[in-house]
Amino acid sequence: MYDVVVIGSGPGGYVAAIRAAQLGLKTACVEKSKPLGGTCLNVGCIPSKSLLQSSELYWLLRNKAQEHGIHATELSYDFTHMMQRKDKVVKGFNDGIAALFKKNRIDRFEGEASFLNPQTLKIAGQEVSARHFIIATGSEPIPLPFLPFDEEKILSSTGALALKKVPKKLIVVGAGVIGVELGSVYKRLGSEVTFIEFLDRICPTFDEAVSKTFQEILEKQGMTFHLSSKVTSGKVTPTHVELLVDKNSYEADVVLIAIGRRAYTQGLNLQAIGITLDSKGMIPVDGAFRTAQPHIFAIGDVIDGPMLAHKASDEGVAAAEIIAGLSPHIEYIAIPNVVYTLPEVAAVGITEREAKAMNLTFKTGTFPFKINSRAKCSGEDEGFVKMIAEARTGRLLGIHIIGAHAGELIAEATLALERKTTALELANTSHAHPTYAEAIKEAALSIAKHALHR
């Protein structure tokens, strides 16, 4: 019998398995697919970032090189090679996780897991028992009810990462993080990209000022947005897809449906062991990730909260440590979110709208990259840093960045929230010059109305 069996090998599952093994627990991991790594590694975060990087290099050479006196003549790209590079990156990480399992003596079972009873799983015809289980089965894309995924013309994010050629016309239904990232990839490579968004702004979980500026920048790059719009029907023909959006008709070579994701719990046979999903189809857990069966834990996309790989990893570590008798803590307000477009968008903490809804008394401070030295030198001066701080104490509540390298800059902001830092403490921290990070210092200074360079 195992001490811990982890179901799922995504960024929550494989990290949970490694941490459990490090703590001396006899550990196994179940994965229904042959490659390890789950959605994030195989058909999500990693392949999309690979394509974003390849397409960004091409776009920069076409649109920005001349500003630096660089003339890239007869520029072209090899889409097949881009895809092969993406696959190579993914395989490297697949092999890396397998090596980590071997190093930590984690047994691996391949196949779908189903609970026979609270202590036993059935996996590909064999039974596996454990004292504890961690469910980390992740999530799957949500289709439109009248447009099921065929991954040829009606794409989920999985299909969008495996196209054989760049489409001339691409419609993206949903202007959230996944939609704008994959839409950006194909726009840079020459597609005509149109977004249909049901809500009144793009990436609605971000601060409103960030969402507004973000849309303006993407529109300058040639993307088209139809907000407050609803797809009411669709038709797939041999040559294209027709969508009816409210009373308007649109055509495209392919359509990417990016309206969200849902917890993946199919086949686990949870009801048979007394675990009932909530109204959102997620597994209810207590503050220690325990389900209705106290020895069965659940983490990541199958429980409430943002569907982020690093959230799942943090929860996986925490669940393993709780099983081992430790008392970990996750500061959920200090979990960042990033969009890897050009420029990037990143945020941690609460938005201004959320602060108002909570009846907080707060101050804000902003600083634009257009007067940041490093951004001007690099020609990457779009966007700004915005901070929200409690008025009385100056404690930081939220930091929002749209600009070059925002995904890296947000680490400092995340640490600031994790450690309950004040704006003044952050402002008084020395930042190297010239760096993009100086915009964080200046935004903090601006809360006290004494930014040095504005």
Protein backbone atom coordinates (compact mmCIF):
# COMPACT_ATOMS: atom_id res chain seq x y z
CA MET A 1 0.00 0.00 0.00
CA TYR A 2 1.18 3.50 -0.87
CA ASP A 3 1.22 6.40 1.52
CA VAL A 4 0.11 8.77 -1.27
CA VAL A 5 -1.27 8.24 -4.76
CA VAL A 6 -1.57 11.38 -6.88
CA ILE A 7 -4.13 11.32 -9.69
CA GLY A 8 -2.85 13.51 -12.53
CA SER A 9 0.67 14.56 -13.51
CA GLY A 10 0.12 18.22 -14.38
CA PRO A 11 1.90 21.06 -12.57
CA GLY A 12 -0.15 20.34 -9.46
CA GLY A 13 0.06 16.56 -9.57
CA TYR A 14 3.69 15.93 -10.42
CA VAL A 15 4.88 18.58 -7.97
CA ALA A 16 2.68 17.05 -5.24
CA ALA A 17 4.17 13.64 -5.96
CA ILE A 18 7.74 14.95 -5.81
CA ARG A 19 7.14 16.80 -2.55
CA ALA A 20 5.46 13.77 -0.97
CA ALA A 21 8.41 11.58 -1.95
CA GLN A 22 10.86 14.16 -0.58
CA LEU A 23 9.04 13.94 2.74
CA GLY A 24 9.64 10.20 2.90
CA LEU A 25 6.19 9.05 1.79
CA LYS A 26 5.85 6.04 -0.49
CA THR A 27 4.34 7.74 -3.54
CA ALA A 28 2.80 6.88 -6.90
CA CYS A 29 1.30 9.03 -9.64
CA VAL A 30 -1.45 8.09 -12.09
CA GLU A 31 -1.60 9.69 -15.53
CA LYS A 32 -4.09 8.68 -18.22
CA SER A 33 -1.90 9.99 -21.09
CA LYS A 34 1.48 8.60 -22.07
CA PRO A 35 3.46 11.86 -21.67
CA LEU A 36 3.72 13.32 -18.20
CA GLY A 37 2.99 16.98 -17.50
CA GLY A 38 -0.74 17.32 -18.02
CA THR A 39 -2.48 20.08 -19.96
CA CYS A 40 -0.03 22.84 -19.02
CA LEU A 41 3.02 21.09 -20.39
CA ASN A 42 1.54 19.22 -23.34
CA VAL A 43 -1.27 21.38 -24.73
CA GLY A 44 -1.24 24.59 -22.70
CA CYS A 45 1.30 26.86 -21.04
CA ILE A 46 4.52 25.50 -22.50
CA PRO A 47 3.64 24.96 -26.18
CA SER A 48 1.74 28.27 -26.31
CA LYS A 49 4.71 30.18 -24.88
CA SER A 50 7.00 28.49 -27.37
CA LEU A 51 4.83 29.67 -30.27
CA LEU A 52 4.43 33.10 -28.70
CA GLN A 53 8.21 33.47 -28.56
CA SER A 54 8.74 32.29 -32.15
CA SER A 55 6.01 34.54 -33.54
CA GLU A 56 7.22 37.49 -31.43
CA LEU A 57 10.73 37.26 -32.90
CA TYR A 58 9.28 37.28 -36.40
CA TRP A 59 6.93 40.20 -35.62
CA LEU A 60 9.70 42.26 -34.03
CA LEU A 61 11.99 41.80 -37.01
CA ARG A 62 9.21 42.85 -39.36
CA ASN A 63 7.94 45.80 -37.35
CA LYS A 64 10.68 47.04 -35.03
CA ALA A 65 14.07 46.17 -36.51
CA GLN A 66 14.30 49.27 -38.71
CA GLU A 67 13.98 51.51 -35.65
CA HIS A 68 17.33 50.08 -34.56
CA GLY A 69 18.94 50.42 -37.97
CA ILE A 70 18.52 46.73 -38.73
CA HIS A 71 17.23 45.86 -42.20
CA ALA A 72 15.83 42.35 -42.40
CA THR A 73 15.24 41.81 -46.10
CA GLU A 74 13.31 38.88 -47.59
CA LEU A 75 12.10 37.89 -44.15
CA SER A 76 10.01 34.73 -43.95
CA TYR A 77 9.10 31.98 -41.50
CA ASP A 78 8.80 28.20 -41.56
CA PHE A 79 5.62 27.32 -39.66
CA THR A 80 6.39 23.60 -39.69
CA HIS A 81 9.77 24.29 -38.08
CA MET A 82 8.11 26.48 -35.43
CA MET A 83 5.79 23.61 -34.57
CA GLN A 84 8.66 21.13 -34.48
CA ARG A 85 10.59 23.41 -32.12
CA LYS A 86 7.50 23.65 -29.90
CA ASP A 87 7.22 19.85 -29.81
CA LYS A 88 10.93 19.53 -28.97
CA VAL A 89 10.56 21.92 -26.04
CA VAL A 90 7.57 19.95 -24.75
CA LYS A 91 9.35 16.59 -25.06
CA GLY A 92 12.32 17.92 -23.14
CA PHE A 93 10.07 18.71 -20.20
CA ASN A 94 8.25 15.36 -20.53
CA ASP A 95 11.57 13.61 -20.20
CA GLY A 96 12.57 15.90 -17.35
CA ILE A 97 9.52 15.00 -15.24
CA ALA A 98 10.11 11.31 -15.91
CA ALA A 99 13.68 11.75 -14.70
CA LEU A 100 12.47 13.53 -11.55
CA PHE A 101 10.06 10.65 -10.85
CA LYS A 102 12.92 8.19 -11.18
CA LYS A 103 15.20 10.29 -8.97
CA ASN A 104 12.55 10.51 -6.25
CA ARG A 105 11.49 6.85 -6.61
CA ILE A 106 7.92 7.69 -7.58
CA ASP A 107 6.01 4.85 -9.20
CA ARG A 108 3.97 5.71 -12.25
CA PHE A 109 0.70 4.13 -13.41
CA GLU A 110 -0.61 4.82 -16.90
CA GLY A 111 -4.36 4.79 -17.42
CA GLU A 112 -7.59 6.33 -16.16
CA ALA A 113 -8.16 6.11 -12.43
CA SER A 114 -11.51 5.21 -10.91
CA PHE A 115 -12.29 4.78 -7.22
CA LEU A 116 -13.51 1.30 -6.29
CA ASN A 117 -13.79 2.35 -2.64
CA PRO A 118 -12.29 5.15 -0.54
CA GLN A 119 -8.96 3.32 -0.25
CA THR A 120 -8.59 1.74 -3.69
CA LEU A 121 -8.28 2.84 -7.31
CA LYS A 122 -8.78 0.76 -10.42
CA ILE A 123 -6.23 1.66 -13.10
CA ALA A 124 -6.10 -0.21 -16.42
CA GLY A 125 -7.34 -3.44 -14.87
CA GLN A 126 -5.22 -3.34 -11.72
CA GLU A 127 -6.04 -2.20 -8.21
CA VAL A 128 -3.89 0.30 -6.32
CA SER A 129 -4.45 1.12 -2.67
CA ALA A 130 -3.21 4.08 -0.60
CA ARG A 131 -3.63 5.74 2.76
CA HIS A 132 -4.06 9.13 1.05
CA PHE A 133 -4.99 10.35 -2.42
CA ILE A 134 -4.51 13.73 -4.09
CA ILE A 135 -6.87 14.46 -6.99
CA ALA A 136 -5.11 16.74 -9.47
CA THR A 137 -6.91 15.94 -12.72
CA GLY A 138 -7.01 19.51 -13.99
CA SER A 139 -9.50 21.00 -16.43
CA GLU A 140 -10.68 20.89 -20.04
CA PRO A 141 -11.88 23.53 -22.55
CA ILE A 142 -15.58 24.38 -22.62
CA PRO A 143 -17.21 24.11 -26.09
CA LEU A 144 -20.18 26.05 -27.38
CA PRO A 145 -23.17 23.68 -27.20
CA PHE A 146 -23.93 24.09 -30.90
CA LEU A 147 -20.27 24.02 -32.04
CA PRO A 148 -18.48 20.94 -30.65
CA PHE A 149 -14.72 20.79 -31.07
CA ASP A 150 -13.49 18.89 -34.13
CA GLU A 151 -9.96 20.36 -33.78
CA GLU A 152 -9.87 21.06 -37.50
CA LYS A 153 -12.22 24.00 -38.01
CA ILE A 154 -13.71 24.36 -34.52
CA LEU A 155 -10.69 24.51 -32.26
CA SER A 156 -10.03 24.33 -28.57
CA SER A 157 -6.68 25.61 -27.37
CA THR A 158 -5.39 22.09 -28.02
CA GLY A 159 -6.27 22.26 -31.70
CA ALA A 160 -4.96 25.82 -32.03
CA LEU A 161 -1.54 24.55 -30.93
CA ALA A 162 -1.49 21.85 -33.59
CA LEU A 163 -2.61 23.57 -36.81
CA LYS A 164 -0.91 22.43 -40.00
CA LYS A 165 -0.91 25.91 -41.52
CA VAL A 166 -1.57 29.49 -40.55
CA PRO A 167 -5.23 30.36 -41.29
CA LYS A 168 -6.03 33.40 -43.43
CA LYS A 169 -8.97 34.29 -41.20
CA LEU A 170 -9.29 33.32 -37.55
CA ILE A 171 -12.21 34.11 -35.27
CA VAL A 172 -11.59 33.78 -31.55
CA VAL A 173 -14.67 33.41 -29.37
CA GLY A 174 -13.62 34.73 -25.98
CA ALA A 175 -11.10 37.51 -25.35
CA GLY A 176 -9.67 36.14 -22.13
CA VAL A 177 -6.06 35.13 -21.49
CA ILE A 178 -6.01 32.01 -23.69
CA GLY A 179 -7.86 33.75 -26.53
CA VAL A 180 -5.62 36.82 -26.74
CA GLU A 181 -2.43 34.78 -26.45
CA LEU A 182 -3.29 32.37 -29.26
CA GLY A 183 -4.89 35.11 -31.31
CA SER A 184 -1.63 37.06 -31.00
CA VAL A 185 0.40 34.10 -32.29
CA TYR A 186 -1.57 33.86 -35.51
CA LYS A 187 -1.96 37.61 -36.03
CA ARG A 188 1.82 37.97 -35.94
CA LEU A 189 2.12 35.24 -38.54
CA GLY A 190 -0.33 36.92 -40.92
CA SER A 191 -3.84 35.84 -39.94
CA GLU A 192 -6.75 38.26 -39.91
CA VAL A 193 -7.88 37.87 -36.30
CA THR A 194 -11.31 38.86 -34.96
CA PHE A 195 -12.47 38.44 -31.37
CA ILE A 196 -16.05 37.93 -30.23
CA GLU A 197 -16.40 38.68 -26.52
CA PHE A 198 -19.63 38.35 -24.53
CA LEU A 199 -18.52 40.81 -21.83
CA ASP A 200 -17.89 44.53 -22.26
CA ARG A 201 -14.09 44.35 -22.02
CA ILE A 202 -11.23 41.99 -22.73
CA CYS A 203 -9.45 40.03 -20.00
CA PRO A 204 -12.09 41.10 -17.48
CA THR A 205 -10.31 39.73 -14.40
CA PHE A 206 -7.65 42.43 -14.76
CA ASP A 207 -7.91 46.02 -13.57
CA GLU A 208 -10.16 48.07 -15.85
CA ALA A 209 -7.43 50.57 -16.75
CA VAL A 210 -5.18 47.68 -17.78
CA SER A 211 -7.92 46.00 -19.86
CA LYS A 212 -8.68 49.24 -21.69
CA THR A 213 -5.05 49.97 -22.54
CA PHE A 214 -4.45 46.33 -23.46
CA GLN A 215 -7.27 46.38 -26.01
CA GLU A 216 -6.01 49.63 -27.52
CA ILE A 217 -2.53 48.15 -27.99
CA LEU A 218 -3.82 44.93 -29.55
CA GLU A 219 -6.03 46.93 -31.90
CA LYS A 220 -2.96 48.90 -33.03
CA GLN A 221 -1.39 45.52 -33.83
CA GLY A 222 -4.33 44.85 -36.17
CA MET A 223 -6.69 42.73 -34.09
CA THR A 224 -10.43 43.44 -34.14
CA PHE A 225 -12.72 43.16 -31.12
CA HIS A 226 -16.50 42.90 -30.93
CA LEU A 227 -17.45 43.31 -27.28
CA SER A 228 -20.82 42.71 -25.61
CA SER A 229 -21.47 40.25 -28.43
CA LYS A 230 -22.92 36.75 -28.36
CA VAL A 231 -22.45 33.89 -30.82
CA THR A 232 -25.94 32.50 -31.34
CA SER A 233 -25.30 29.84 -33.99
CA GLY A 234 -22.63 28.40 -36.23
CA LYS A 235 -22.24 26.35 -39.37
CA VAL A 236 -19.23 24.38 -40.57
CA THR A 237 -18.81 24.04 -44.34
CA PRO A 238 -16.06 22.21 -46.28
CA THR A 239 -14.19 25.50 -46.80
CA HIS A 240 -15.00 27.73 -43.82
CA VAL A 241 -17.02 28.37 -40.68
CA GLU A 242 -19.99 30.73 -40.51
CA LEU A 243 -20.94 32.33 -37.21
CA LEU A 244 -24.05 34.32 -36.39
CA VAL A 245 -23.16 36.92 -33.78
CA ASP A 246 -26.31 38.62 -32.54
CA LYS A 247 -27.70 39.66 -35.96
CA ASN A 248 -24.39 39.82 -37.82
CA SER A 249 -22.72 37.05 -39.84
CA TYR A 250 -18.98 36.35 -39.80
CA GLU A 251 -16.83 33.87 -41.73
CA ALA A 252 -13.42 32.40 -40.98
CA ASP A 253 -11.19 29.52 -42.02
CA VAL A 254 -11.13 28.30 -38.42
CA VAL A 255 -12.74 29.32 -35.14
CA LEU A 256 -11.03 29.08 -31.77
CA ILE A 257 -13.44 28.67 -28.86
CA ALA A 258 -11.78 30.13 -25.75
CA ILE A 259 -14.73 30.82 -23.43
CA GLY A 260 -13.25 29.09 -20.40
CA ARG A 261 -12.38 25.76 -18.85
CA ARG A 262 -14.16 23.33 -16.52
CA ALA A 263 -12.92 20.87 -13.93
CA TYR A 264 -12.10 17.43 -15.31
CA THR A 265 -13.44 14.74 -13.00
CA GLN A 266 -14.94 12.26 -15.47
CA GLY A 267 -14.43 8.61 -14.66
CA LEU A 268 -13.23 9.09 -11.09
CA ASN A 269 -16.45 7.58 -9.70
CA LEU A 270 -16.53 10.18 -6.93
CA GLN A 271 -20.17 9.75 -5.99
CA ALA A 272 -19.52 6.13 -5.14
CA ILE A 273 -17.16 7.25 -2.38
CA GLY A 274 -19.33 10.05 -1.03
CA ILE A 275 -17.81 13.05 -2.85
CA THR A 276 -20.37 15.31 -4.57
CA LEU A 277 -19.43 18.10 -6.96
CA ASP A 278 -20.63 21.63 -6.27
CA SER A 279 -22.84 23.75 -8.54
CA LYS A 280 -19.82 24.72 -10.64
CA GLY A 281 -18.77 21.10 -11.15
CA MET A 282 -15.83 21.41 -8.78
CA ILE A 283 -14.76 19.31 -5.81
CA PRO A 284 -15.54 20.98 -2.46
CA VAL A 285 -12.59 21.05 -0.06
CA ASP A 286 -11.83 22.53 3.34
CA GLY A 287 -8.98 24.90 4.14
CA ALA A 288 -6.54 21.99 4.07
CA PHE A 289 -7.66 20.63 0.64
CA ARG A 290 -9.53 17.72 2.24
CA THR A 291 -12.65 16.47 0.49
CA ALA A 292 -15.68 14.84 2.13
CA GLN A 293 -13.32 11.89 2.58
CA PRO A 294 -10.64 13.38 4.91
CA HIS A 295 -7.85 11.19 3.50
CA ILE A 296 -8.66 12.27 -0.09
CA PHE A 297 -7.35 15.70 -1.10
CA ALA A 298 -8.05 17.80 -4.21
CA ILE A 299 -6.00 20.65 -5.70
CA GLY A 300 -5.64 22.85 -8.75
CA ASP A 301 -8.29 23.29 -11.41
CA VAL A 302 -10.71 20.80 -9.86
CA ILE A 303 -11.27 23.07 -6.84
CA ASP A 304 -12.42 26.67 -6.57
CA GLY A 305 -10.09 29.51 -7.50
CA PRO A 306 -8.18 30.73 -10.55
CA MET A 307 -7.09 28.00 -12.96
CA LEU A 308 -3.36 28.73 -12.88
CA ALA A 309 -0.51 26.25 -13.10
CA HIS A 310 1.48 27.88 -10.30
CA LYS A 311 -1.58 27.91 -8.01
CA ALA A 312 -1.91 24.17 -8.60
CA SER A 313 1.79 23.65 -7.84
CA ASP A 314 1.56 25.63 -4.61
CA GLU A 315 -1.49 23.62 -3.57
CA GLY A 316 0.19 20.35 -4.51
CA VAL A 317 3.15 21.11 -2.26
CA ALA A 318 0.82 22.19 0.54
CA ALA A 319 -1.34 19.04 0.30
CA ALA A 320 1.72 16.79 0.42
CA GLU A 321 3.07 18.64 3.44
CA ILE A 322 -0.28 18.43 5.26
CA ILE A 323 -0.32 14.66 4.68
CA ALA A 324 3.19 14.53 6.17
CA GLY A 325 2.03 16.42 9.28
CA LEU A 326 3.29 19.90 8.43
CA SER A 327 1.28 23.14 8.48
CA PRO A 328 1.86 25.07 5.22
CA HIS A 329 0.05 28.28 4.28
CA ILE A 330 -0.81 29.77 0.88
CA GLU A 331 -1.35 33.52 0.62
CA TYR A 332 -3.93 33.49 -2.16
CA ILE A 333 -3.92 37.26 -2.62
CA ALA A 334 -0.26 36.92 -3.60
CA ILE A 335 -0.81 34.54 -6.54
CA PRO A 336 0.02 36.41 -9.76
CA ASN A 337 -1.59 36.15 -13.18
CA VAL A 338 0.22 36.80 -16.47
CA VAL A 339 -0.71 37.22 -20.15
CA TYR A 340 2.29 36.50 -22.39
CA THR A 341 1.41 38.80 -25.26
CA LEU A 342 3.38 41.75 -26.64
CA PRO A 343 3.44 43.66 -24.36
CA GLU A 344 2.82 41.35 -21.44
CA VAL A 345 0.18 41.91 -18.77
CA ALA A 346 0.64 40.81 -15.16
CA ALA A 347 -1.21 41.39 -11.93
CA VAL A 348 -1.23 40.35 -8.31
CA GLY A 349 -3.67 41.29 -5.57
CA ILE A 350 -6.97 43.12 -5.97
CA THR A 351 -8.17 45.54 -8.65
CA GLU A 352 -9.47 49.04 -8.05
CA ARG A 353 -13.03 47.85 -8.66
CA GLU A 354 -12.59 45.09 -6.08
CA ALA A 355 -11.19 47.56 -3.56
CA LYS A 356 -14.27 49.76 -4.02
CA ALA A 357 -16.60 46.77 -3.67
CA MET A 358 -14.88 45.90 -0.38
CA ASN A 359 -15.43 49.50 0.85
CA LEU A 360 -11.71 49.96 1.38
CA THR A 361 -10.12 53.38 1.68
CA PHE A 362 -7.20 53.29 -0.70
CA LYS A 363 -4.77 55.28 -2.80
CA THR A 364 -3.49 54.54 -6.30
CA GLY A 365 -0.24 55.36 -8.01
CA THR A 366 0.80 54.89 -11.64
CA PHE A 367 3.93 55.29 -13.69
CA PRO A 368 4.12 54.97 -17.50
CA PHE A 369 6.89 53.09 -19.24
CA LYS A 370 7.15 55.89 -21.81
CA ILE A 371 9.32 57.79 -19.32
CA ASN A 372 11.23 54.76 -18.06
CA SER A 373 14.86 54.88 -19.19
CA ARG A 374 15.32 51.22 -20.06
CA ALA A 375 11.98 51.03 -21.86
CA LYS A 376 12.89 54.03 -24.02
CA CYS A 377 16.32 52.58 -24.83
CA SER A 378 14.72 49.28 -25.81
CA GLY A 379 11.86 50.79 -27.77
CA GLU A 380 9.37 48.94 -25.54
CA ASP A 381 7.66 51.85 -23.81
CA GLU A 382 3.97 50.93 -24.03
CA GLY A 383 1.98 50.48 -20.85
CA PHE A 384 2.33 51.38 -17.20
CA VAL A 385 2.54 50.13 -13.60
CA LYS A 386 -0.46 50.75 -11.35
CA MET A 387 -0.47 50.23 -7.60
CA ILE A 388 -3.28 50.15 -5.06
CA ALA A 389 -2.45 50.69 -1.39
CA GLU A 390 -4.45 51.00 1.80
CA ALA A 391 -4.79 54.72 2.55
CA ARG A 392 -4.04 54.64 6.27
CA THR A 393 -1.16 52.16 6.44
CA GLY A 394 0.19 52.25 2.90
CA ARG A 395 0.05 48.45 2.74
CA LEU A 396 0.01 47.27 -0.85
CA LEU A 397 -3.22 45.63 -1.99
CA GLY A 398 -2.69 45.18 -5.72
CA ILE A 399 -0.04 45.75 -8.38
CA HIS A 400 -0.93 45.75 -12.08
CA ILE A 401 1.53 45.94 -14.95
CA ILE A 402 1.12 46.19 -18.69
CA GLY A 403 4.42 46.46 -20.46
CA ALA A 404 7.54 44.65 -21.60
CA HIS A 405 8.62 41.80 -19.31
CA ALA A 406 5.63 42.31 -17.00
CA GLY A 407 5.62 38.57 -16.32
CA GLU A 408 9.08 38.84 -14.77
CA LEU A 409 8.48 42.17 -13.03
CA ILE A 410 5.45 40.81 -11.21
CA ALA A 411 7.69 38.60 -9.05
CA GLU A 412 8.83 41.63 -7.05
CA ALA A 413 5.22 42.72 -6.67
CA THR A 414 4.19 39.23 -5.56
CA LEU A 415 6.87 39.15 -2.88
CA ALA A 416 5.74 42.60 -1.72
CA LEU A 417 2.18 41.37 -1.21
CA GLU A 418 3.32 38.09 0.33
CA ARG A 419 5.37 39.98 2.90
CA LYS A 420 2.65 42.63 3.46
CA THR A 421 4.98 45.39 2.29
CA THR A 422 3.93 49.05 2.22
CA ALA A 423 4.26 51.33 -0.78
CA LEU A 424 6.85 53.38 1.09
CA GLU A 425 8.97 50.32 1.85
CA LEU A 426 8.91 49.33 -1.80
CA ALA A 427 9.65 52.90 -2.88
CA ASN A 428 12.65 53.05 -0.55
CA THR A 429 14.11 49.83 -1.98
CA SER A 430 17.03 50.46 -4.32
CA HIS A 431 16.35 49.50 -7.94
CA ALA A 432 19.16 49.21 -10.48
CA HIS A 433 19.32 51.87 -13.20
CA PRO A 434 18.36 51.67 -15.97
CA THR A 435 15.81 48.86 -15.56
CA TYR A 436 12.12 48.31 -16.26
CA ALA A 437 11.76 47.61 -12.53
CA GLU A 438 12.34 51.29 -11.76
CA ALA A 439 8.75 51.83 -12.94
CA ILE A 440 7.63 49.79 -9.91
CA LYS A 441 9.62 52.07 -7.59
CA GLU A 442 8.19 55.18 -9.25
CA ALA A 443 4.61 53.89 -9.07
CA ALA A 444 5.13 53.29 -5.35
CA LEU A 445 6.52 56.82 -4.97
CA SER A 446 3.56 58.25 -6.84
CA ILE A 447 1.17 56.91 -4.18
CA ALA A 448 2.77 59.46 -1.87
CA LYS A 449 2.65 62.07 -4.68
CA HIS A 450 6.41 62.39 -5.01
CA ALA A 451 7.46 60.33 -8.01
CA LEU A 452 10.91 61.53 -8.98
CA HIS A 453 10.61 61.31 -12.75
CA ARG A 454 7.07 62.50 -13.39
